[in-house]
């Protein structure tokens, strides 16, 4: 598993942040799915993988699918030491 993860947010038309969040390794070849034609994924923040509060569950999903959808609370919440 990679050491640095990127938290991504789906940005809707007009640069409005949505409630759709995902996490994946920074150097991953995974491609996040397009939600619709009028938006895009934006890099929200990067962090050490072990500092992500939902690390164990996310790591399992990333291993299987290359990325993991996460809740907004996990995306913007506090980090683990």
PDB file of N, CA and C in Angstrom:
ATOM      1  N   UNK A   1       0.844  -1.181   0.000  1.00  0.00           N
ATOM      2  CA  UNK A   1       0.000   0.000   0.000  1.00  0.00           C
ATOM      3  C   UNK A   1       0.885   1.239   0.000  1.00  0.00           C
ATOM      4  N   UNK A   2       0.494   2.221  -0.727  1.00  0.00           N
ATOM      5  CA  UNK A   2       1.286   3.438  -0.867  1.00  0.00           C
ATOM      6  C   UNK A   2       1.240   4.267   0.418  1.00  0.00           C
ATOM      7  N   UNK A   3       2.242   5.123   0.583  1.00  0.00           N
ATOM      8  CA  UNK A   3       2.387   5.890   1.820  1.00  0.00           C
ATOM      9  C   UNK A   3       1.593   7.188   1.868  1.00  0.00           C
ATOM     10  N   UNK A   4       1.341   7.813   0.713  1.00  0.00           N
ATOM     11  CA  UNK A   4       0.623   9.091   0.693  1.00  0.00           C
ATOM     12  C   UNK A   4      -0.682   8.939  -0.077  1.00  0.00           C
ATOM     13  N   UNK A   5      -1.757   9.420   0.529  1.00  0.00           N
ATOM     14  CA  UNK A   5      -3.071   9.345  -0.097  1.00  0.00           C
ATOM     15  C   UNK A   5      -3.582  10.742  -0.426  1.00  0.00           C
ATOM     16  N   UNK A   6      -4.412  10.822  -1.468  1.00  0.00           N
ATOM     17  CA  UNK A   6      -5.069  12.072  -1.846  1.00  0.00           C
ATOM     18  C   UNK A   6      -6.557  11.948  -1.558  1.00  0.00           C
ATOM     19  N   UNK A   7      -7.093  12.941  -0.892  1.00  0.00           N
ATOM     20  CA  UNK A   7      -8.537  13.021  -0.687  1.00  0.00           C
ATOM     21  C   UNK A   7      -9.078  13.897  -1.808  1.00  0.00           C
ATOM     22  N   UNK A   8     -10.021  13.352  -2.555  1.00  0.00           N
ATOM     23  CA  UNK A   8     -10.576  14.032  -3.717  1.00  0.00           C
ATOM     24  C   UNK A   8     -12.043  14.387  -3.465  1.00  0.00           C
ATOM     25  N   UNK A   9     -12.477  15.503  -4.027  1.00  0.00           N
ATOM     26  CA  UNK A   9     -13.871  15.929  -3.917  1.00  0.00           C
ATOM     27  C   UNK A   9     -14.428  16.173  -5.312  1.00  0.00           C
ATOM     28  N   UNK A  10     -15.663  15.717  -5.547  1.00  0.00           N
ATOM     29  CA  UNK A  10     -16.331  15.973  -6.816  1.00  0.00           C
ATOM     30  C   UNK A  10     -16.848  17.403  -6.789  1.00  0.00           C
ATOM     31  N   UNK A  11     -16.423  18.208  -7.762  1.00  0.00           N
ATOM     32  CA  UNK A  11     -16.834  19.604  -7.862  1.00  0.00           C
ATOM     33  C   UNK A  11     -17.843  19.712  -8.993  1.00  0.00           C
ATOM     34  N   UNK A  12     -19.016  20.242  -8.648  1.00  0.00           N
ATOM     35  CA  UNK A  12     -20.093  20.375  -9.629  1.00  0.00           C
ATOM     36  C   UNK A  12     -19.903  21.634 -10.469  1.00  0.00           C
ATOM     37  N   UNK A  13     -20.733  21.763 -11.472  1.00  0.00           N
ATOM     38  CA  UNK A  13     -20.717  22.951 -12.331  1.00  0.00           C
ATOM     39  C   UNK A  13     -20.748  24.210 -11.467  1.00  0.00           C
ATOM     40  N   UNK A  14     -19.963  25.193 -11.839  1.00  0.00           N
ATOM     41  CA  UNK A  14     -19.903  26.435 -11.080  1.00  0.00           C
ATOM     42  C   UNK A  14     -18.962  26.350  -9.891  1.00  0.00           C
ATOM     43  N   UNK A  15     -18.101  25.332  -9.890  1.00  0.00           N
ATOM     44  CA  UNK A  15     -17.125  25.134  -8.815  1.00  0.00           C
ATOM     45  C   UNK A  15     -17.757  24.993  -7.436  1.00  0.00           C
ATOM     46  N   UNK A  16     -18.889  24.310  -7.371  1.00  0.00           N
ATOM     47  CA  UNK A  16     -19.567  24.039  -6.108  1.00  0.00           C
ATOM     48  C   UNK A  16     -19.149  22.656  -5.618  1.00  0.00           C
ATOM     49  N   UNK A  17     -18.596  22.595  -4.414  1.00  0.00           N
ATOM     50  CA  UNK A  17     -18.201  21.299  -3.850  1.00  0.00           C
ATOM     51  C   UNK A  17     -19.435  20.451  -3.580  1.00  0.00           C
ATOM     52  N   UNK A  18     -19.297  19.163  -3.832  1.00  0.00           N
ATOM     53  CA  UNK A  18     -20.394  18.238  -3.562  1.00  0.00           C
ATOM     54  C   UNK A  18     -20.116  17.488  -2.269  1.00  0.00           C
ATOM     55  N   UNK A  19     -21.001  16.576  -1.927  1.00  0.00           N
ATOM     56  CA  UNK A  19     -20.827  15.716  -0.754  1.00  0.00           C
ATOM     57  C   UNK A  19     -20.214  14.380  -1.157  1.00  0.00           C
ATOM     58  N   UNK A  20     -19.652  14.300  -2.357  1.00  0.00           N
ATOM     59  CA  UNK A  20     -19.049  13.062  -2.853  1.00  0.00           C
ATOM     60  C   UNK A  20     -17.535  13.163  -2.690  1.00  0.00           C
ATOM     61  N   UNK A  21     -16.981  12.232  -1.917  1.00  0.00           N
ATOM     62  CA  UNK A  21     -15.554  12.233  -1.590  1.00  0.00           C
ATOM     63  C   UNK A  21     -14.961  10.872  -1.882  1.00  0.00           C
ATOM     64  N   UNK A  22     -13.681  10.857  -2.223  1.00  0.00           N
ATOM     65  CA  UNK A  22     -12.966   9.602  -2.457  1.00  0.00           C
ATOM     66  C   UNK A  22     -11.531   9.765  -1.976  1.00  0.00           C
ATOM     67  N   UNK A  23     -10.876   8.637  -1.745  1.00  0.00           N
ATOM     68  CA  UNK A  23      -9.474   8.649  -1.341  1.00  0.00           C
ATOM     69  C   UNK A  23      -8.742   7.589  -2.143  1.00  0.00           C
ATOM     70  N   UNK A  24      -7.506   7.903  -2.537  1.00  0.00           N
ATOM     71  CA  UNK A  24      -6.694   6.951  -3.289  1.00  0.00           C
ATOM     72  C   UNK A  24      -5.221   7.298  -3.111  1.00  0.00           C
ATOM     73  N   UNK A  25      -4.324   6.342  -3.349  1.00  0.00           N
ATOM     74  CA  UNK A  25      -2.898   6.641  -3.259  1.00  0.00           C
ATOM     75  C   UNK A  25      -2.505   7.701  -4.288  1.00  0.00           C
ATOM     76  N   UNK A  26      -1.621   8.612  -3.895  1.00  0.00           N
ATOM     77  CA  UNK A  26      -1.194   9.703  -4.773  1.00  0.00           C
ATOM     78  C   UNK A  26      -0.593   9.176  -6.070  1.00  0.00           C
ATOM     79  N   UNK A  27       0.239   8.159  -5.986  1.00  0.00           N
ATOM     80  CA  UNK A  27       0.900   7.653  -7.194  1.00  0.00           C
ATOM     81  C   UNK A  27       0.158   6.480  -7.831  1.00  0.00           C
ATOM     82  N   UNK A  28      -1.134   6.408  -7.580  1.00  0.00           N
ATOM     83  CA  UNK A  28      -1.963   5.338  -8.124  1.00  0.00           C
ATOM     84  C   UNK A  28      -2.289   5.570  -9.598  1.00  0.00           C
ATOM     85  N   UNK A  29      -2.476   4.484 -10.300  1.00  0.00           N
ATOM     86  CA  UNK A  29      -2.928   4.564 -11.690  1.00  0.00           C
ATOM     87  C   UNK A  29      -4.454   4.480 -11.763  1.00  0.00           C
ATOM     88  N   UNK A  30      -5.114   4.400 -10.612  1.00  0.00           N
ATOM     89  CA  UNK A  30      -6.575   4.294 -10.572  1.00  0.00           C
ATOM     90  C   UNK A  30      -7.220   5.565 -11.123  1.00  0.00           C
ATOM     91  N   UNK A  31      -8.357   5.385 -11.743  1.00  0.00           N
ATOM     92  CA  UNK A  31      -9.122   6.506 -12.291  1.00  0.00           C
ATOM     93  C   UNK A  31     -10.460   6.554 -11.567  1.00  0.00           C
ATOM     94  N   UNK A  32     -10.772   7.708 -10.994  1.00  0.00           N
ATOM     95  CA  UNK A  32     -12.057   7.859 -10.319  1.00  0.00           C
ATOM     96  C   UNK A  32     -13.168   7.984 -11.356  1.00  0.00           C
ATOM     97  N   UNK A  33     -14.334   7.404 -11.073  1.00  0.00           N
ATOM     98  CA  UNK A  33     -15.433   7.471 -12.037  1.00  0.00           C
ATOM     99  C   UNK A  33     -16.010   8.884 -12.142  1.00  0.00           C
ATOM    100  N   UNK A  34     -16.426   9.246 -13.351  1.00  0.00           N
ATOM    101  CA  UNK A  34     -17.107  10.534 -13.549  1.00  0.00           C
ATOM    102  C   UNK A  34     -18.522  10.413 -13.000  1.00  0.00           C
ATOM    103  N   UNK A  35     -18.932  11.408 -12.249  1.00  0.00           N
ATOM    104  CA  UNK A  35     -20.277  11.411 -11.672  1.00  0.00           C
ATOM    105  C   UNK A  35     -21.280  11.928 -12.703  1.00  0.00           C
ATOM    106  N   UNK A  36     -20.912  12.979 -13.411  1.00  0.00           N
ATOM    107  CA  UNK A  36     -21.704  13.490 -14.534  1.00  0.00           C
ATOM    108  C   UNK A  36     -20.789  14.323 -15.426  1.00  0.00           C
ATOM    109  N   UNK A  37     -21.319  14.818 -16.525  1.00  0.00           N
ATOM    110  CA  UNK A  37     -20.491  15.542 -17.498  1.00  0.00           C
ATOM    111  C   UNK A  37     -20.187  16.986 -17.114  1.00  0.00           C
ATOM    112  N   UNK A  38     -20.843  17.502 -16.080  1.00  0.00           N
ATOM    113  CA  UNK A  38     -20.667  18.921 -15.761  1.00  0.00           C
ATOM    114  C   UNK A  38     -19.785  19.159 -14.536  1.00  0.00           C
ATOM    115  N   UNK A  39     -19.007  18.173 -14.130  1.00  0.00           N
ATOM    116  CA  UNK A  39     -18.150  18.356 -12.963  1.00  0.00           C
ATOM    117  C   UNK A  39     -16.797  17.699 -13.150  1.00  0.00           C
ATOM    118  N   UNK A  40     -15.998  17.729 -12.095  1.00  0.00           N
ATOM    119  CA  UNK A  40     -14.663  17.132 -12.147  1.00  0.00           C
ATOM    120  C   UNK A  40     -14.189  16.803 -10.732  1.00  0.00           C
ATOM    121  N   UNK A  41     -13.210  15.922 -10.625  1.00  0.00           N
ATOM    122  CA  UNK A  41     -12.584  15.596  -9.348  1.00  0.00           C
ATOM    123  C   UNK A  41     -11.497  16.623  -9.061  1.00  0.00           C
ATOM    124  N   UNK A  42     -11.429  17.077  -7.815  1.00  0.00           N
ATOM    125  CA  UNK A  42     -10.418  18.048  -7.406  1.00  0.00           C
ATOM    126  C   UNK A  42      -9.675  17.520  -6.180  1.00  0.00           C
ATOM    127  N   UNK A  43      -8.363  17.687  -6.191  1.00  0.00           N
ATOM    128  CA  UNK A  43      -7.520  17.277  -5.070  1.00  0.00           C
ATOM    129  C   UNK A  43      -7.822  18.204  -3.890  1.00  0.00           C
ATOM    130  N   UNK A  44      -8.360  17.648  -2.806  1.00  0.00           N
ATOM    131  CA  UNK A  44      -8.733  18.448  -1.636  1.00  0.00           C
ATOM    132  C   UNK A  44      -7.587  18.552  -0.643  1.00  0.00           C
ATOM    133  N   UNK A  45      -6.968  17.408  -0.339  1.00  0.00           N
ATOM    134  CA  UNK A  45      -5.796  17.414   0.532  1.00  0.00           C
ATOM    135  C   UNK A  45      -5.059  16.093   0.420  1.00  0.00           C
ATOM    136  N   UNK A  46      -3.800  16.115   0.831  1.00  0.00           N
ATOM    137  CA  UNK A  46      -2.969  14.907   0.819  1.00  0.00           C
ATOM    138  C   UNK A  46      -2.485  14.653   2.234  1.00  0.00           C
ATOM    139  N   UNK A  47      -2.310  13.387   2.557  1.00  0.00           N
ATOM    140  CA  UNK A  47      -1.884  13.031   3.891  1.00  0.00           C
ATOM    141  C   UNK A  47      -1.183  11.685   3.887  1.00  0.00           C
ATOM    142  N   UNK A  48      -0.411  11.445   4.939  1.00  0.00           N
ATOM    143  CA  UNK A  48       0.198  10.130   5.109  1.00  0.00           C
ATOM    144  C   UNK A  48      -0.926   9.121   5.322  1.00  0.00           C
ATOM    145  N   UNK A  49      -0.873   8.011   4.638  1.00  0.00           N
ATOM    146  CA  UNK A  49      -1.951   7.015   4.686  1.00  0.00           C
ATOM    147  C   UNK A  49      -2.314   6.624   6.114  1.00  0.00           C
ATOM    148  N   UNK A  50      -1.342   6.418   6.963  1.00  0.00           N
ATOM    149  CA  UNK A  50      -1.591   5.982   8.338  1.00  0.00           C
ATOM    150  C   UNK A  50      -2.293   7.043   9.183  1.00  0.00           C
ATOM    151  N   UNK A  51      -2.297   8.292   8.746  1.00  0.00           N
ATOM    152  CA  UNK A  51      -2.959   9.365   9.506  1.00  0.00           C
ATOM    153  C   UNK A  51      -4.439   9.474   9.185  1.00  0.00           C
ATOM    154  N   UNK A  52      -4.905   8.754   8.175  1.00  0.00           N
ATOM    155  CA  UNK A  52      -6.315   8.797   7.802  1.00  0.00           C
ATOM    156  C   UNK A  52      -7.120   7.994   8.815  1.00  0.00           C
ATOM    157  N   UNK A  53      -8.151   8.599   9.382  1.00  0.00           N
ATOM    158  CA  UNK A  53      -8.925   7.967  10.457  1.00  0.00           C
ATOM    159  C   UNK A  53      -9.561   6.640  10.043  1.00  0.00           C
ATOM    160  N   UNK A  54      -9.948   6.487   8.808  1.00  0.00           N
ATOM    161  CA  UNK A  54     -10.561   5.251   8.326  1.00  0.00           C
ATOM    162  C   UNK A  54      -9.587   4.369   7.572  1.00  0.00           C
ATOM    163  N   UNK A  55      -8.325   4.384   7.967  1.00  0.00           N
ATOM    164  CA  UNK A  55      -7.254   3.729   7.217  1.00  0.00           C
ATOM    165  C   UNK A  55      -7.523   2.262   6.905  1.00  0.00           C
ATOM    166  N   UNK A  56      -7.882   1.452   7.887  1.00  0.00           N
ATOM    167  CA  UNK A  56      -8.015   0.000   7.673  1.00  0.00           C
ATOM    168  C   UNK A  56      -9.073  -0.323   6.621  1.00  0.00           C
ATOM    169  N   UNK A  57     -10.247   0.266   6.748  1.00  0.00           N
ATOM    170  CA  UNK A  57     -11.325  -0.004   5.787  1.00  0.00           C
ATOM    171  C   UNK A  57     -10.980   0.551   4.409  1.00  0.00           C
ATOM    172  N   UNK A  58     -10.408   1.745   4.368  1.00  0.00           N
ATOM    173  CA  UNK A  58     -10.045   2.347   3.085  1.00  0.00           C
ATOM    174  C   UNK A  58      -8.953   1.540   2.396  1.00  0.00           C
ATOM    175  N   UNK A  59      -7.974   1.066   3.161  1.00  0.00           N
ATOM    176  CA  UNK A  59      -6.881   0.279   2.582  1.00  0.00           C
ATOM    177  C   UNK A  59      -7.411  -0.986   1.924  1.00  0.00           C
ATOM    178  N   UNK A  60      -8.388  -1.610   2.550  1.00  0.00           N
ATOM    179  CA  UNK A  60      -8.993  -2.822   1.981  1.00  0.00           C
ATOM    180  C   UNK A  60      -9.691  -2.513   0.655  1.00  0.00           C
ATOM    181  N   UNK A  61     -10.460  -1.429   0.612  1.00  0.00           N
ATOM    182  CA  UNK A  61     -11.158  -1.042  -0.616  1.00  0.00           C
ATOM    183  C   UNK A  61     -10.169  -0.630  -1.702  1.00  0.00           C
ATOM    184  N   UNK A  62      -9.126   0.095  -1.325  1.00  0.00           N
ATOM    185  CA  UNK A  62      -8.119   0.526  -2.295  1.00  0.00           C
ATOM    186  C   UNK A  62      -7.402  -0.675  -2.886  1.00  0.00           C
ATOM    187  N   UNK A  63      -7.112  -1.650  -2.057  1.00  0.00           N
ATOM    188  CA  UNK A  63      -6.460  -2.869  -2.542  1.00  0.00           C
ATOM    189  C   UNK A  63      -7.327  -3.564  -3.596  1.00  0.00           C
ATOM    190  N   UNK A  64      -8.637  -3.570  -3.379  1.00  0.00           N
ATOM    191  CA  UNK A  64      -9.560  -4.244  -4.296  1.00  0.00           C
ATOM    192  C   UNK A  64      -9.901  -3.410  -5.528  1.00  0.00           C
ATOM    193  N   UNK A  65     -10.124  -2.097  -5.333  1.00  0.00           N
ATOM    194  CA  UNK A  65     -10.677  -1.265  -6.405  1.00  0.00           C
ATOM    195  C   UNK A  65      -9.786  -0.113  -6.861  1.00  0.00           C
ATOM    196  N   UNK A  66      -8.727   0.185  -6.130  1.00  0.00           N
ATOM    197  CA  UNK A  66      -7.842   1.284  -6.495  1.00  0.00           C
ATOM    198  C   UNK A  66      -8.197   2.603  -5.842  1.00  0.00           C
ATOM    199  N   UNK A  67      -9.406   2.706  -5.286  1.00  0.00           N
ATOM    200  CA  UNK A  67      -9.847   3.913  -4.590  1.00  0.00           C
ATOM    201  C   UNK A  67     -10.950   3.528  -3.621  1.00  0.00           C
ATOM    202  N   UNK A  68     -11.388   4.487  -2.815  1.00  0.00           N
ATOM    203  CA  UNK A  68     -12.461   4.244  -1.852  1.00  0.00           C
ATOM    204  C   UNK A  68     -13.303   5.507  -1.724  1.00  0.00           C
ATOM    205  N   UNK A  69     -14.621   5.370  -1.853  1.00  0.00           N
ATOM    206  CA  UNK A  69     -15.500   6.491  -1.542  1.00  0.00           C
ATOM    207  C   UNK A  69     -15.533   6.629  -0.023  1.00  0.00           C
ATOM    208  N   UNK A  70     -15.531   7.868   0.471  1.00  0.00           N
ATOM    209  CA  UNK A  70     -15.533   8.113   1.910  1.00  0.00           C
ATOM    210  C   UNK A  70     -16.585   9.161   2.253  1.00  0.00           C
ATOM    211  N   UNK A  71     -16.888   9.275   3.545  1.00  0.00           N
ATOM    212  CA  UNK A  71     -17.849  10.275   3.991  1.00  0.00           C
ATOM    213  C   UNK A  71     -17.179  11.646   4.101  1.00  0.00           C
ATOM    214  N   UNK A  72     -17.990  12.662   4.071  1.00  0.00           N
ATOM    215  CA  UNK A  72     -17.462  14.017   4.223  1.00  0.00           C
ATOM    216  C   UNK A  72     -16.787  14.186   5.586  1.00  0.00           C
ATOM    217  N   UNK A  73     -17.349  13.571   6.619  1.00  0.00           N
ATOM    218  CA  UNK A  73     -16.760  13.671   7.957  1.00  0.00           C
ATOM    219  C   UNK A  73     -15.335  13.119   7.978  1.00  0.00           C
ATOM    220  N   UNK A  74     -15.088  12.019   7.278  1.00  0.00           N
ATOM    221  CA  UNK A  74     -13.734  11.476   7.203  1.00  0.00           C
ATOM    222  C   UNK A  74     -12.832  12.358   6.348  1.00  0.00           C
ATOM    223  N   UNK A  75     -13.383  12.930   5.298  1.00  0.00           N
ATOM    224  CA  UNK A  75     -12.583  13.747   4.376  1.00  0.00           C
ATOM    225  C   UNK A  75     -12.059  15.017   5.028  1.00  0.00           C
ATOM    226  N   UNK A  76     -12.892  15.661   5.818  1.00  0.00           N
ATOM    227  CA  UNK A  76     -12.490  16.946   6.398  1.00  0.00           C
ATOM    228  C   UNK A  76     -12.220  16.854   7.892  1.00  0.00           C
ATOM    229  N   UNK A  77     -12.384  15.665   8.450  1.00  0.00           N
ATOM    230  CA  UNK A  77     -12.223  15.473   9.888  1.00  0.00           C
ATOM    231  C   UNK A  77     -10.780  15.451  10.359  1.00  0.00           C
ATOM    232  N   UNK A  78     -10.618  15.230  11.662  1.00  0.00           N
ATOM    233  CA  UNK A  78      -9.280  15.205  12.249  1.00  0.00           C
ATOM    234  C   UNK A  78      -8.477  13.998  11.791  1.00  0.00           C
ATOM    235  N   UNK A  79      -7.168  14.135  11.857  1.00  0.00           N
ATOM    236  CA  UNK A  79      -6.265  13.059  11.469  1.00  0.00           C
ATOM    237  C   UNK A  79      -5.837  12.271  12.697  1.00  0.00           C
ATOM    238  N   UNK A  80      -5.390  11.059  12.466  1.00  0.00           N
ATOM    239  CA  UNK A  80      -4.861  10.213  13.525  1.00  0.00           C
ATOM    240  C   UNK A  80      -3.378  10.522  13.670  1.00  0.00           C
ATOM    241  N   UNK A  81      -2.890  10.534  14.890  1.00  0.00           N
ATOM    242  CA  UNK A  81      -1.451  10.795  15.107  1.00  0.00           C
ATOM    243  C   UNK A  81      -0.614   9.616  14.726  1.00  0.00           C
TER     244      UNK A  81
END
